[in-house]
Amino acid sequence: MTGQDPAGHDAAAAAGAGQEAAGVGAVIRALAITVSNRAAAGIYEDRSGPVLARLLAEAGCAVDGPLVVPDGAAVEVALRDAVAGGYHVVVTTGGTGLTPGDLTPEMTGRVLDREIPGIAEAIRAAGIAAGVPAAMLSRGLAGLADGVLVVNLAGSTGGVRDGMAVLAPVLRHAVDQAHGGDHPRAEAAG
């Protein structure tokens, strides 16, 4: 899906052209991962993963998933497999809270080379601004793992919507930067 910037240009085509120069290509490959012990066990239906996959597609990504995994070591395995599998972006939903079984940030931290705290902070701030005070309890991380952007979102459809509203506008630029792209420059007024 493509959008237009305020000047009426095809933003996806312009961003894609810059990514080809940086070696990313016009298509961003994304994987959506749902982290839920109950959904992985078939106890209940995954609701947030399909929303995440749809929103990633709307952000211009070619999306696989949602892959549903239980929390804990399976998250680390799924993330490492995604990095090895050539994805540009991996976004998880679930496992970021305070319960003893919420281990997604710890598993993500084992995989990341560099954290990008501004993304996680902005996602929490947007949730709070949207009237969800519990958004500050999310321990989700964001960062790079061998050039792959990894972002943890809360395990609710609302948390996914709020998180993707923050992530989508910077997603293409973040992926481009992770692969050596330059910052976009405004054309000098003539």
N, C-alpha and C. Protein backbone atom coordinates (compact mmCIF):
# COMPACT_ATOMS: atom_id res chain seq x y z
N MET A 1 0.85 -1.18 0.00
CA MET A 1 0.00 0.00 0.00
C MET A 1 0.89 1.24 0.00
N THR A 2 0.64 2.20 -0.82
CA THR A 2 1.46 3.40 -0.87
C THR A 2 0.67 4.60 -0.41
N GLY A 3 1.40 5.56 0.12
CA GLY A 3 0.77 6.80 0.55
C GLY A 3 1.46 7.95 -0.12
N GLN A 4 0.88 9.13 0.02
CA GLN A 4 1.50 10.30 -0.55
C GLN A 4 1.93 11.24 0.56
N ASP A 5 3.09 11.88 0.35
CA ASP A 5 3.53 12.86 1.31
C ASP A 5 2.74 14.15 1.09
N PRO A 6 2.94 15.17 1.95
CA PRO A 6 2.15 16.39 1.82
C PRO A 6 2.30 17.08 0.47
N ALA A 7 3.42 16.86 -0.22
CA ALA A 7 3.62 17.49 -1.53
C ALA A 7 2.98 16.69 -2.66
N GLY A 8 2.37 15.54 -2.32
CA GLY A 8 1.68 14.73 -3.31
C GLY A 8 2.56 13.70 -3.98
N HIS A 9 3.79 13.52 -3.51
CA HIS A 9 4.68 12.51 -4.07
C HIS A 9 4.35 11.14 -3.49
N ASP A 10 4.66 10.10 -4.23
CA ASP A 10 4.46 8.74 -3.75
C ASP A 10 5.56 8.45 -2.74
N ALA A 11 5.24 8.51 -1.45
CA ALA A 11 6.22 8.37 -0.39
C ALA A 11 6.88 7.00 -0.39
N ALA A 12 6.12 5.95 -0.65
CA ALA A 12 6.69 4.61 -0.65
C ALA A 12 7.69 4.45 -1.78
N ALA A 13 7.39 4.97 -2.96
CA ALA A 13 8.31 4.86 -4.09
C ALA A 13 9.58 5.64 -3.82
N ALA A 14 9.45 6.84 -3.26
CA ALA A 14 10.63 7.65 -2.96
C ALA A 14 11.49 6.97 -1.90
N ALA A 15 10.86 6.45 -0.86
CA ALA A 15 11.62 5.77 0.19
C ALA A 15 12.24 4.49 -0.35
N GLY A 16 11.51 3.78 -1.19
CA GLY A 16 12.03 2.54 -1.75
C GLY A 16 13.25 2.79 -2.62
N ALA A 17 13.26 3.89 -3.37
CA ALA A 17 14.41 4.20 -4.22
C ALA A 17 15.64 4.43 -3.37
N GLY A 18 15.49 5.11 -2.24
CA GLY A 18 16.62 5.32 -1.34
C GLY A 18 17.10 4.03 -0.72
N GLN A 19 16.18 3.11 -0.44
CA GLN A 19 16.57 1.85 0.17
C GLN A 19 17.32 0.97 -0.81
N GLU A 20 16.96 1.03 -2.09
CA GLU A 20 17.67 0.21 -3.05
C GLU A 20 19.14 0.61 -3.08
N ALA A 21 19.42 1.92 -2.95
CA ALA A 21 20.80 2.38 -2.93
C ALA A 21 21.52 1.87 -1.69
N ALA A 22 20.80 1.71 -0.59
CA ALA A 22 21.41 1.24 0.65
C ALA A 22 21.41 -0.28 0.74
N GLY A 23 20.85 -0.97 -0.25
CA GLY A 23 20.89 -2.42 -0.25
C GLY A 23 19.69 -3.09 0.38
N VAL A 24 18.65 -2.34 0.76
CA VAL A 24 17.48 -2.93 1.40
C VAL A 24 16.47 -3.39 0.36
N GLY A 25 16.33 -2.68 -0.73
CA GLY A 25 15.31 -3.01 -1.72
C GLY A 25 14.04 -2.25 -1.44
N ALA A 26 13.14 -2.26 -2.39
CA ALA A 26 11.91 -1.49 -2.27
C ALA A 26 10.93 -2.11 -1.28
N VAL A 27 11.06 -3.40 -1.04
CA VAL A 27 10.11 -4.09 -0.16
C VAL A 27 10.76 -4.37 1.19
N ILE A 28 10.09 -3.98 2.24
CA ILE A 28 10.53 -4.28 3.60
C ILE A 28 9.89 -5.60 4.01
N ARG A 29 10.71 -6.58 4.32
CA ARG A 29 10.20 -7.87 4.78
C ARG A 29 10.00 -7.81 6.29
N ALA A 30 8.80 -8.09 6.74
CA ALA A 30 8.46 -8.00 8.16
C ALA A 30 7.87 -9.31 8.66
N LEU A 31 8.15 -9.61 9.91
CA LEU A 31 7.56 -10.76 10.58
C LEU A 31 6.82 -10.27 11.81
N ALA A 32 5.56 -10.69 11.94
CA ALA A 32 4.76 -10.42 13.14
C ALA A 32 4.80 -11.66 14.02
N ILE A 33 5.12 -11.47 15.29
CA ILE A 33 5.18 -12.58 16.24
C ILE A 33 4.26 -12.28 17.41
N THR A 34 3.36 -13.20 17.68
CA THR A 34 2.51 -13.11 18.87
C THR A 34 3.13 -13.96 19.96
N VAL A 35 3.34 -13.36 21.12
CA VAL A 35 3.90 -14.07 22.27
C VAL A 35 2.77 -14.29 23.26
N SER A 36 2.33 -15.53 23.36
CA SER A 36 1.22 -15.86 24.27
C SER A 36 1.24 -17.35 24.57
N ASN A 37 1.37 -17.67 25.85
CA ASN A 37 1.34 -19.08 26.25
C ASN A 37 -0.01 -19.70 25.92
N ARG A 38 -1.09 -18.97 26.19
CA ARG A 38 -2.43 -19.53 25.96
C ARG A 38 -2.77 -19.66 24.48
N ALA A 39 -2.41 -18.65 23.68
CA ALA A 39 -2.68 -18.76 22.24
C ALA A 39 -1.82 -19.86 21.62
N ALA A 40 -0.56 -19.97 22.06
CA ALA A 40 0.32 -21.02 21.53
C ALA A 40 -0.21 -22.41 21.88
N ALA A 41 -0.88 -22.52 23.02
CA ALA A 41 -1.45 -23.81 23.45
C ALA A 41 -2.84 -24.06 22.87
N GLY A 42 -3.38 -23.09 22.13
CA GLY A 42 -4.70 -23.26 21.52
C GLY A 42 -5.85 -23.01 22.47
N ILE A 43 -5.56 -22.41 23.63
CA ILE A 43 -6.61 -22.13 24.62
C ILE A 43 -7.50 -20.98 24.16
N TYR A 44 -6.88 -20.00 23.52
CA TYR A 44 -7.70 -18.94 22.93
C TYR A 44 -7.06 -18.43 21.65
N GLU A 45 -7.89 -17.73 20.88
CA GLU A 45 -7.50 -17.22 19.57
C GLU A 45 -6.58 -16.00 19.72
N ASP A 46 -5.58 -15.95 18.87
CA ASP A 46 -4.70 -14.79 18.81
C ASP A 46 -5.47 -13.64 18.19
N ARG A 47 -5.64 -12.55 18.93
CA ARG A 47 -6.35 -11.39 18.40
C ARG A 47 -5.40 -10.27 17.99
N SER A 48 -4.31 -10.09 18.73
CA SER A 48 -3.42 -8.96 18.44
C SER A 48 -2.51 -9.23 17.25
N GLY A 49 -2.11 -10.47 17.02
CA GLY A 49 -1.21 -10.79 15.91
C GLY A 49 -1.77 -10.44 14.54
N PRO A 50 -3.02 -10.82 14.25
CA PRO A 50 -3.59 -10.43 12.96
C PRO A 50 -3.69 -8.91 12.77
N VAL A 51 -3.97 -8.18 13.84
CA VAL A 51 -4.01 -6.72 13.76
C VAL A 51 -2.61 -6.20 13.45
N LEU A 52 -1.61 -6.75 14.11
CA LEU A 52 -0.23 -6.34 13.86
C LEU A 52 0.17 -6.61 12.41
N ALA A 53 -0.13 -7.79 11.91
CA ALA A 53 0.22 -8.14 10.53
C ALA A 53 -0.46 -7.17 9.55
N ARG A 54 -1.72 -6.86 9.79
CA ARG A 54 -2.45 -5.94 8.90
C ARG A 54 -1.82 -4.56 8.92
N LEU A 55 -1.47 -4.07 10.11
CA LEU A 55 -0.90 -2.72 10.23
C LEU A 55 0.51 -2.65 9.63
N LEU A 56 1.28 -3.71 9.74
CA LEU A 56 2.58 -3.75 9.09
C LEU A 56 2.41 -3.71 7.57
N ALA A 57 1.42 -4.45 7.06
CA ALA A 57 1.15 -4.42 5.62
C ALA A 57 0.72 -3.02 5.18
N GLU A 58 -0.12 -2.37 5.97
CA GLU A 58 -0.56 -1.01 5.65
C GLU A 58 0.61 -0.02 5.69
N ALA A 59 1.66 -0.36 6.46
CA ALA A 59 2.86 0.48 6.53
C ALA A 59 3.80 0.21 5.36
N GLY A 60 3.40 -0.68 4.46
CA GLY A 60 4.18 -0.94 3.26
C GLY A 60 5.08 -2.15 3.32
N CYS A 61 4.89 -3.00 4.29
CA CYS A 61 5.73 -4.19 4.44
C CYS A 61 5.12 -5.41 3.77
N ALA A 62 5.99 -6.32 3.34
CA ALA A 62 5.59 -7.66 2.94
C ALA A 62 5.67 -8.48 4.23
N VAL A 63 4.53 -8.95 4.71
CA VAL A 63 4.43 -9.49 6.07
C VAL A 63 4.25 -11.00 6.08
N ASP A 64 5.00 -11.66 6.94
CA ASP A 64 4.76 -13.05 7.28
C ASP A 64 4.23 -13.09 8.71
N GLY A 65 3.41 -14.09 8.99
CA GLY A 65 2.87 -14.24 10.33
C GLY A 65 1.44 -13.75 10.39
N PRO A 66 0.91 -13.79 11.57
CA PRO A 66 1.64 -13.88 12.82
C PRO A 66 2.08 -15.31 13.16
N LEU A 67 3.30 -15.39 13.61
CA LEU A 67 3.85 -16.60 14.19
C LEU A 67 3.50 -16.55 15.67
N VAL A 68 2.88 -17.59 16.19
CA VAL A 68 2.48 -17.61 17.60
C VAL A 68 3.43 -18.51 18.37
N VAL A 69 4.07 -17.94 19.41
CA VAL A 69 5.02 -18.69 20.23
C VAL A 69 4.70 -18.46 21.71
N PRO A 70 5.04 -19.42 22.56
CA PRO A 70 4.90 -19.18 24.00
C PRO A 70 6.01 -18.25 24.47
N ASP A 71 5.80 -17.61 25.61
CA ASP A 71 6.81 -16.71 26.15
C ASP A 71 7.99 -17.53 26.66
N GLY A 72 9.11 -16.86 26.80
CA GLY A 72 10.32 -17.52 27.29
C GLY A 72 11.28 -17.81 26.16
N ALA A 73 11.97 -18.93 26.27
CA ALA A 73 13.04 -19.28 25.33
C ALA A 73 12.57 -19.32 23.87
N ALA A 74 11.31 -19.66 23.64
CA ALA A 74 10.79 -19.72 22.27
C ALA A 74 10.84 -18.35 21.59
N VAL A 75 10.75 -17.28 22.36
CA VAL A 75 10.82 -15.93 21.80
C VAL A 75 12.23 -15.68 21.26
N GLU A 76 13.22 -16.02 22.06
CA GLU A 76 14.61 -15.84 21.60
C GLU A 76 14.87 -16.64 20.34
N VAL A 77 14.41 -17.89 20.30
CA VAL A 77 14.60 -18.73 19.12
C VAL A 77 13.92 -18.11 17.90
N ALA A 78 12.68 -17.65 18.06
CA ALA A 78 11.94 -17.05 16.94
C ALA A 78 12.64 -15.80 16.43
N LEU A 79 13.14 -14.97 17.34
CA LEU A 79 13.84 -13.76 16.93
C LEU A 79 15.13 -14.09 16.20
N ARG A 80 15.90 -15.03 16.72
CA ARG A 80 17.15 -15.41 16.06
C ARG A 80 16.88 -16.01 14.67
N ASP A 81 15.83 -16.82 14.58
CA ASP A 81 15.46 -17.39 13.29
C ASP A 81 15.06 -16.29 12.30
N ALA A 82 14.34 -15.27 12.78
CA ALA A 82 13.91 -14.17 11.92
C ALA A 82 15.12 -13.36 11.43
N VAL A 83 16.08 -13.11 12.31
CA VAL A 83 17.28 -12.38 11.92
C VAL A 83 18.04 -13.18 10.86
N ALA A 84 18.18 -14.48 11.08
CA ALA A 84 18.87 -15.33 10.11
C ALA A 84 18.07 -15.47 8.82
N GLY A 85 16.75 -15.31 8.90
CA GLY A 85 15.88 -15.48 7.75
C GLY A 85 15.80 -14.29 6.82
N GLY A 86 16.51 -13.21 7.11
CA GLY A 86 16.56 -12.09 6.19
C GLY A 86 15.45 -11.07 6.32
N TYR A 87 14.72 -11.08 7.42
CA TYR A 87 13.71 -10.05 7.62
C TYR A 87 14.39 -8.71 7.89
N HIS A 88 13.69 -7.63 7.57
CA HIS A 88 14.18 -6.29 7.89
C HIS A 88 13.61 -5.81 9.22
N VAL A 89 12.39 -6.28 9.54
CA VAL A 89 11.66 -5.84 10.73
C VAL A 89 10.99 -7.05 11.37
N VAL A 90 11.07 -7.12 12.69
CA VAL A 90 10.33 -8.12 13.46
C VAL A 90 9.62 -7.37 14.58
N VAL A 91 8.31 -7.50 14.63
CA VAL A 91 7.54 -6.85 15.68
C VAL A 91 6.80 -7.93 16.46
N THR A 92 6.96 -7.88 17.78
CA THR A 92 6.27 -8.83 18.64
C THR A 92 5.10 -8.15 19.32
N THR A 93 4.10 -8.94 19.69
CA THR A 93 3.00 -8.46 20.50
C THR A 93 2.81 -9.44 21.65
N GLY A 94 2.89 -8.91 22.88
CA GLY A 94 2.68 -9.74 24.06
C GLY A 94 3.96 -9.97 24.85
N GLY A 95 3.76 -10.36 26.10
CA GLY A 95 4.87 -10.72 26.97
C GLY A 95 5.68 -9.57 27.52
N THR A 96 5.13 -8.34 27.50
CA THR A 96 5.91 -7.18 27.93
C THR A 96 5.52 -6.65 29.30
N GLY A 97 4.59 -7.33 29.96
CA GLY A 97 4.06 -6.83 31.23
C GLY A 97 4.89 -7.21 32.43
N LEU A 98 4.23 -7.25 33.58
CA LEU A 98 4.90 -7.44 34.85
C LEU A 98 4.73 -8.83 35.46
N THR A 99 3.93 -9.70 34.85
CA THR A 99 3.73 -11.01 35.45
C THR A 99 5.04 -11.80 35.38
N PRO A 100 5.20 -12.78 36.26
CA PRO A 100 6.44 -13.57 36.23
C PRO A 100 6.70 -14.26 34.89
N GLY A 101 5.66 -14.54 34.13
CA GLY A 101 5.83 -15.20 32.85
C GLY A 101 6.10 -14.27 31.68
N ASP A 102 6.05 -12.96 31.90
CA ASP A 102 6.30 -11.98 30.84
C ASP A 102 7.81 -11.79 30.67
N LEU A 103 8.38 -12.53 29.73
CA LEU A 103 9.84 -12.54 29.55
C LEU A 103 10.29 -12.04 28.17
N THR A 104 9.37 -11.51 27.39
CA THR A 104 9.73 -11.07 26.04
C THR A 104 10.85 -10.04 26.03
N PRO A 105 10.84 -9.02 26.91
CA PRO A 105 11.96 -8.06 26.88
C PRO A 105 13.30 -8.72 27.20
N GLU A 106 13.30 -9.65 28.13
CA GLU A 106 14.55 -10.32 28.47
C GLU A 106 15.07 -11.15 27.30
N MET A 107 14.17 -11.86 26.62
CA MET A 107 14.57 -12.67 25.46
C MET A 107 15.01 -11.78 24.31
N THR A 108 14.32 -10.65 24.13
CA THR A 108 14.69 -9.71 23.08
C THR A 108 16.06 -9.12 23.36
N GLY A 109 16.30 -8.76 24.62
CA GLY A 109 17.59 -8.18 25.00
C GLY A 109 18.76 -9.10 24.69
N ARG A 110 18.54 -10.41 24.74
CA ARG A 110 19.60 -11.37 24.42
C ARG A 110 19.97 -11.34 22.94
N VAL A 111 19.04 -10.87 22.11
CA VAL A 111 19.23 -10.90 20.66
C VAL A 111 19.75 -9.56 20.12
N LEU A 112 19.39 -8.46 20.77
CA LEU A 112 19.73 -7.13 20.27
C LEU A 112 21.23 -6.84 20.36
N ASP A 113 21.74 -6.18 19.32
CA ASP A 113 23.10 -5.64 19.33
C ASP A 113 23.11 -4.23 19.91
N ARG A 114 22.07 -3.46 19.53
CA ARG A 114 21.95 -2.07 19.96
C ARG A 114 20.50 -1.77 20.25
N GLU A 115 20.25 -1.12 21.37
CA GLU A 115 18.88 -0.70 21.67
C GLU A 115 18.58 0.64 21.01
N ILE A 116 17.31 0.86 20.73
CA ILE A 116 16.80 2.14 20.23
C ILE A 116 15.75 2.59 21.24
N PRO A 117 16.18 3.16 22.36
CA PRO A 117 15.23 3.47 23.43
C PRO A 117 14.15 4.46 23.04
N GLY A 118 14.44 5.35 22.09
CA GLY A 118 13.44 6.35 21.71
C GLY A 118 12.16 5.74 21.17
N ILE A 119 12.27 4.62 20.45
CA ILE A 119 11.07 3.97 19.91
C ILE A 119 10.20 3.45 21.05
N ALA A 120 10.82 2.69 21.96
CA ALA A 120 10.05 2.12 23.08
C ALA A 120 9.46 3.22 23.97
N GLU A 121 10.24 4.27 24.20
CA GLU A 121 9.75 5.38 25.03
C GLU A 121 8.57 6.08 24.35
N ALA A 122 8.67 6.29 23.04
CA ALA A 122 7.59 6.97 22.31
C ALA A 122 6.32 6.12 22.30
N ILE A 123 6.47 4.81 22.19
CA ILE A 123 5.30 3.92 22.20
C ILE A 123 4.60 3.99 23.55
N ARG A 124 5.37 3.94 24.64
CA ARG A 124 4.76 4.04 25.97
C ARG A 124 4.09 5.40 26.16
N ALA A 125 4.77 6.47 25.74
CA ALA A 125 4.22 7.82 25.89
C ALA A 125 2.93 7.98 25.10
N ALA A 126 2.88 7.41 23.89
CA ALA A 126 1.66 7.52 23.08
C ALA A 126 0.50 6.78 23.75
N GLY A 127 0.76 5.64 24.34
CA GLY A 127 -0.29 4.91 25.05
C GLY A 127 -0.84 5.70 26.21
N ILE A 128 0.07 6.31 26.97
CA ILE A 128 -0.35 7.13 28.11
C ILE A 128 -1.16 8.32 27.62
N ALA A 129 -0.69 8.96 26.55
CA ALA A 129 -1.40 10.12 25.98
C ALA A 129 -2.77 9.74 25.45
N ALA A 130 -2.92 8.47 25.03
CA ALA A 130 -4.20 8.00 24.52
C ALA A 130 -5.15 7.62 25.65
N GLY A 131 -4.74 7.85 26.89
CA GLY A 131 -5.61 7.59 28.04
C GLY A 131 -5.48 6.20 28.61
N VAL A 132 -4.35 5.54 28.37
CA VAL A 132 -4.11 4.20 28.91
C VAL A 132 -2.93 4.29 29.88
N PRO A 133 -3.18 4.65 31.15
CA PRO A 133 -2.08 4.81 32.09
C PRO A 133 -1.22 3.55 32.24
N ALA A 134 -1.81 2.38 32.06
CA ALA A 134 -1.06 1.13 32.19
C ALA A 134 0.00 0.96 31.11
N ALA A 135 -0.03 1.81 30.07
CA ALA A 135 1.00 1.73 29.03
C ALA A 135 2.39 1.94 29.62
N MET A 136 2.49 2.67 30.71
CA MET A 136 3.79 2.90 31.33
C MET A 136 4.35 1.62 31.96
N LEU A 137 3.53 0.60 32.12
CA LEU A 137 3.99 -0.65 32.71
C LEU A 137 4.61 -1.59 31.67
N SER A 138 4.49 -1.27 30.39
CA SER A 138 5.09 -2.10 29.36
C SER A 138 6.61 -1.99 29.45
N ARG A 139 7.25 -3.14 29.39
CA ARG A 139 8.71 -3.18 29.46
C ARG A 139 9.31 -3.44 28.08
N GLY A 140 8.51 -3.27 27.04
CA GLY A 140 8.95 -3.56 25.69
C GLY A 140 10.22 -2.84 25.30
N LEU A 141 11.03 -3.51 24.49
CA LEU A 141 12.27 -2.96 23.97
C LEU A 141 12.15 -2.72 22.48
N ALA A 142 13.10 -1.96 21.95
CA ALA A 142 13.27 -1.79 20.51
C ALA A 142 14.76 -1.69 20.26
N GLY A 143 15.19 -2.25 19.15
CA GLY A 143 16.60 -2.16 18.83
C GLY A 143 16.93 -2.89 17.56
N LEU A 144 18.23 -3.05 17.32
CA LEU A 144 18.73 -3.71 16.14
C LEU A 144 19.43 -5.01 16.52
N ALA A 145 19.18 -6.04 15.74
CA ALA A 145 19.86 -7.32 15.86
C ALA A 145 20.43 -7.65 14.49
N ASP A 146 21.72 -7.45 14.32
CA ASP A 146 22.38 -7.69 13.03
C ASP A 146 21.67 -6.92 11.91
N GLY A 147 21.30 -5.68 12.18
CA GLY A 147 20.65 -4.83 11.18
C GLY A 147 19.16 -5.00 11.06
N VAL A 148 18.56 -5.92 11.81
CA VAL A 148 17.12 -6.15 11.78
C VAL A 148 16.47 -5.33 12.90
N LEU A 149 15.47 -4.53 12.55
CA LEU A 149 14.74 -3.76 13.54
C LEU A 149 13.79 -4.68 14.28
N VAL A 150 13.92 -4.73 15.61
CA VAL A 150 13.06 -5.56 16.46
C VAL A 150 12.34 -4.64 17.44
N VAL A 151 11.02 -4.76 17.50
CA VAL A 151 10.21 -3.92 18.38
C VAL A 151 9.21 -4.80 19.12
N ASN A 152 9.14 -4.61 20.44
CA ASN A 152 8.15 -5.30 21.27
C ASN A 152 6.96 -4.38 21.50
N LEU A 153 5.74 -4.88 21.25
CA LEU A 153 4.51 -4.16 21.56
C LEU A 153 3.72 -4.93 22.60
N ALA A 154 2.81 -4.24 23.25
CA ALA A 154 1.93 -4.88 24.23
C ALA A 154 1.05 -5.92 23.56
N GLY A 155 0.51 -6.80 24.36
CA GLY A 155 -0.25 -7.93 23.84
C GLY A 155 -1.74 -7.70 23.75
N SER A 156 -2.14 -6.52 23.38
CA SER A 156 -3.57 -6.23 23.18
C SER A 156 -3.74 -5.56 21.82
N THR A 157 -4.95 -5.64 21.28
CA THR A 157 -5.18 -5.00 19.99
C THR A 157 -4.98 -3.49 20.09
N GLY A 158 -5.41 -2.90 21.19
CA GLY A 158 -5.21 -1.46 21.38
C GLY A 158 -3.73 -1.10 21.50
N GLY A 159 -2.98 -1.92 22.23
CA GLY A 159 -1.54 -1.69 22.35
C GLY A 159 -0.84 -1.80 21.02
N VAL A 160 -1.28 -2.74 20.19
CA VAL A 160 -0.71 -2.89 18.85
C VAL A 160 -1.05 -1.68 18.00
N ARG A 161 -2.30 -1.24 18.04
CA ARG A 161 -2.69 -0.06 17.24
C ARG A 161 -1.91 1.17 17.67
N ASP A 162 -1.83 1.40 18.99
CA ASP A 162 -1.10 2.57 19.49
C ASP A 162 0.38 2.47 19.12
N GLY A 163 0.97 1.30 19.28
CA GLY A 163 2.38 1.12 18.97
C GLY A 163 2.69 1.30 17.50
N MET A 164 1.84 0.74 16.64
CA MET A 164 2.07 0.88 15.21
C MET A 164 1.82 2.31 14.73
N ALA A 165 0.95 3.05 15.42
CA ALA A 165 0.75 4.46 15.06
C ALA A 165 2.04 5.26 15.27
N VAL A 166 2.84 4.84 16.24
CA VAL A 166 4.13 5.47 16.49
C VAL A 166 5.18 4.94 15.52
N LEU A 167 5.21 3.64 15.33
CA LEU A 167 6.26 3.00 14.54
C LEU A 167 6.12 3.22 13.04
N ALA A 168 4.91 3.15 12.51
CA ALA A 168 4.71 3.20 11.06
C ALA A 168 5.35 4.41 10.38
N PRO A 169 5.21 5.63 10.94
CA PRO A 169 5.78 6.78 10.24
C PRO A 169 7.32 6.78 10.15
N VAL A 170 8.00 6.04 11.02
CA VAL A 170 9.46 6.02 11.00
C VAL A 170 10.03 4.69 10.54
N LEU A 171 9.17 3.74 10.25
CA LEU A 171 9.62 2.38 9.94
C LEU A 171 10.56 2.32 8.75
N ARG A 172 10.16 2.89 7.64
CA ARG A 172 10.99 2.83 6.43
C ARG A 172 12.33 3.54 6.65
N HIS A 173 12.30 4.68 7.29
CA HIS A 173 13.53 5.42 7.56
C HIS A 173 14.44 4.63 8.51
N ALA A 174 13.87 4.01 9.53
CA ALA A 174 14.67 3.23 10.47
C ALA A 174 15.35 2.06 9.77
N VAL A 175 14.61 1.36 8.92
CA VAL A 175 15.18 0.23 8.19
C VAL A 175 16.28 0.71 7.26
N ASP A 176 16.04 1.82 6.58
CA ASP A 176 17.04 2.39 5.68
C ASP A 176 18.30 2.74 6.46
N GLN A 177 18.15 3.41 7.59
CA GLN A 177 19.29 3.78 8.42
C GLN A 177 20.06 2.55 8.90
N ALA A 178 19.35 1.51 9.28
CA ALA A 178 20.00 0.29 9.77
C ALA A 178 20.86 -0.37 8.71
N HIS A 179 20.58 -0.04 7.44
CA HIS A 179 21.34 -0.62 6.34
C HIS A 179 22.24 0.40 5.66
N GLY A 180 22.57 1.48 6.38
CA GLY A 180 23.55 2.44 5.88
C GLY A 180 23.00 3.60 5.09
N GLY A 181 21.68 3.74 5.02
CA GLY A 181 21.09 4.85 4.27
C GLY A 181 21.35 6.18 4.95
N ASP A 182 21.26 7.23 4.18
CA ASP A 182 21.49 8.58 4.69
C ASP A 182 20.17 9.17 5.16
N HIS A 183 20.26 10.23 5.93
CA HIS A 183 19.05 10.96 6.32
C HIS A 183 18.48 11.67 5.10
N PRO A 184 17.16 11.67 4.93
CA PRO A 184 16.59 12.39 3.79
C PRO A 184 16.86 13.89 3.93
N ARG A 185 17.15 14.51 2.82
CA ARG A 185 17.44 15.94 2.81
C ARG A 185 16.31 16.67 2.09
N ALA A 186 15.89 17.79 2.64
CA ALA A 186 14.88 18.62 1.97
C ALA A 186 15.56 19.33 0.81
N GLU A 187 14.85 19.44 -0.29
CA GLU A 187 15.37 20.17 -1.46
C GLU A 187 15.49 21.65 -1.09
N ALA A 188 16.58 22.25 -1.49
CA ALA A 188 16.79 23.68 -1.22
C ALA A 188 15.77 24.49 -2.03
N ALA A 189 15.17 25.47 -1.37
CA ALA A 189 14.20 26.33 -2.06
C ALA A 189 14.95 27.19 -3.07
N GLY A 190 14.43 27.25 -4.28
CA GLY A 190 15.15 27.87 -5.36
C GLY A 190 14.76 29.23 -5.63
